[in-house]
Amino acid sequence: MLRAHTHGVDEDGPYPDYMVWEEVPPPREEEPDDARDHFRGFAGLFDIPQYPSDDFDDREPAVCVDTETIDVYVIKAAKFSTSDHRVSRRRIEMVDPKGPEPDF
């Protein structure tokens, strides 16, 4: 679970103070190797496929965040310029690729 706040308060009033808390479960105790091997061997007898857990993700990481060096930038002003473009719309009736039903 993540919790965050964006300010603190002291006798002078509120001030910017960015903090994130990450609450994680305690590490799970590993089963002894002999217990894991016993179950692996048992599953092999019945040729039961070993599926990864629901949260398994073998994709290459796309973004790497250095959590020790995160900064917050407060944007004080921005200017936008826009241009408009008309959107045309066409509507057609879909045709059944099988053709019409025979009438006999």
Protein backbone atom coordinates (compact mmCIF):
# COMPACT_ATOMS: atom_id res chain seq x y z
CA MET A 1 0.00 0.00 0.00
CA LEU A 2 1.25 3.48 -0.82
CA ARG A 3 0.45 6.58 1.17
CA ALA A 4 1.56 10.11 0.35
CA HIS A 5 1.23 13.67 1.49
CA THR A 6 2.18 16.93 -0.19
CA HIS A 7 2.53 19.33 2.72
CA GLY A 8 3.30 19.69 6.38
CA VAL A 9 2.03 22.25 8.90
CA ASP A 10 3.92 24.11 11.61
CA GLU A 11 3.35 27.29 13.63
CA ASP A 12 3.87 29.39 10.48
CA GLY A 13 1.25 27.43 8.52
CA PRO A 14 1.38 24.90 5.71
CA TYR A 15 4.58 24.29 3.74
CA PRO A 16 5.47 21.94 0.85
CA ASP A 17 6.68 18.58 2.14
CA TYR A 18 6.43 15.60 -0.20
CA MET A 19 6.57 12.17 1.41
CA VAL A 20 5.62 8.67 0.25
CA TRP A 21 5.25 5.69 2.57
CA GLU A 22 5.28 2.22 1.12
CA GLU A 23 3.87 -0.52 3.32
CA VAL A 24 4.98 -3.98 2.28
CA PRO A 25 4.22 -7.38 3.80
CA PRO A 26 7.01 -9.07 5.75
CA PRO A 27 9.15 -11.43 3.69
CA ARG A 28 7.74 -14.91 3.38
CA GLU A 29 9.67 -17.70 4.99
CA GLU A 30 11.13 -20.03 2.41
CA GLU A 31 10.23 -23.69 2.55
CA PRO A 32 13.17 -26.01 3.11
CA ASP A 33 14.63 -27.28 -0.19
CA ASP A 34 13.73 -30.88 0.60
CA ALA A 35 10.01 -29.97 0.98
CA ARG A 36 9.97 -28.17 -2.40
CA ASP A 37 11.78 -31.03 -4.12
CA HIS A 38 9.29 -33.51 -2.67
CA PHE A 39 6.33 -31.67 -4.18
CA ARG A 40 8.09 -31.06 -7.50
CA GLY A 41 8.77 -34.76 -7.82
CA PHE A 42 5.18 -35.62 -6.92
CA ALA A 43 3.81 -33.28 -9.60
CA GLY A 44 6.19 -34.79 -12.16
CA LEU A 45 4.63 -38.22 -11.66
CA PHE A 46 1.31 -36.96 -13.00
CA ASP A 47 2.81 -34.66 -15.63
CA ILE A 48 1.05 -31.64 -14.09
CA PRO A 49 2.21 -28.44 -15.82
CA GLN A 50 3.80 -25.87 -13.53
CA TYR A 51 2.12 -22.52 -14.23
CA PRO A 52 3.53 -19.23 -13.00
CA SER A 53 1.60 -17.31 -10.36
CA ASP A 54 -1.11 -14.81 -11.35
CA ASP A 55 1.25 -11.88 -10.79
CA PHE A 56 4.09 -13.36 -12.89
CA ASP A 57 5.36 -10.93 -15.53
CA ASP A 58 8.41 -11.84 -17.60
CA ARG A 59 8.39 -8.70 -19.75
CA GLU A 60 11.53 -6.56 -19.88
CA PRO A 61 11.17 -3.47 -17.67
CA ALA A 62 10.19 -0.42 -19.73
CA VAL A 63 10.84 2.22 -17.08
CA CYS A 64 13.33 2.24 -14.27
CA VAL A 65 12.78 4.72 -11.43
CA ASP A 66 15.52 5.61 -8.99
CA THR A 67 13.35 6.01 -5.90
CA GLU A 68 16.18 7.74 -4.03
CA THR A 69 16.24 10.73 -6.40
CA ILE A 70 12.61 11.63 -7.13
CA ASP A 71 11.90 15.37 -7.28
CA VAL A 72 8.63 17.32 -7.50
CA TYR A 73 8.42 20.29 -9.84
CA VAL A 74 5.66 22.79 -9.12
CA ILE A 75 4.44 24.42 -12.33
CA LYS A 76 3.61 28.04 -11.61
CA ALA A 77 2.40 29.05 -15.06
CA ALA A 78 1.84 27.60 -18.50
CA LYS A 79 0.74 29.00 -21.84
CA PHE A 80 -1.00 26.94 -24.49
CA SER A 81 -1.78 27.78 -28.08
CA THR A 82 -4.39 25.80 -29.95
CA SER A 83 -5.77 25.44 -33.43
CA ASP A 84 -9.11 23.97 -34.37
CA HIS A 85 -9.89 21.50 -37.13
CA ARG A 86 -13.28 20.44 -38.42
CA VAL A 87 -14.10 16.73 -38.22
CA SER A 88 -16.20 15.21 -40.97
CA ARG A 89 -18.39 12.19 -40.38
CA ARG A 90 -19.76 9.58 -42.75
CA ARG A 91 -22.20 6.79 -41.91
CA ILE A 92 -22.85 3.70 -44.02
CA GLU A 93 -24.97 0.65 -43.44
CA MET A 94 -23.03 -2.57 -42.95
CA VAL A 95 -23.55 -5.28 -45.56
CA ASP A 96 -23.76 -8.95 -44.58
CA PRO A 97 -20.77 -10.66 -46.30
CA LYS A 98 -22.82 -13.88 -46.75
CA GLY A 99 -25.31 -12.03 -48.90
CA PRO A 100 -29.12 -11.96 -48.54
CA GLU A 101 -31.03 -15.05 -47.39
CA PRO A 102 -32.47 -17.04 -50.32
CA ASP A 103 -36.20 -16.49 -50.80
CA PHE A 104 -37.76 -19.79 -51.96
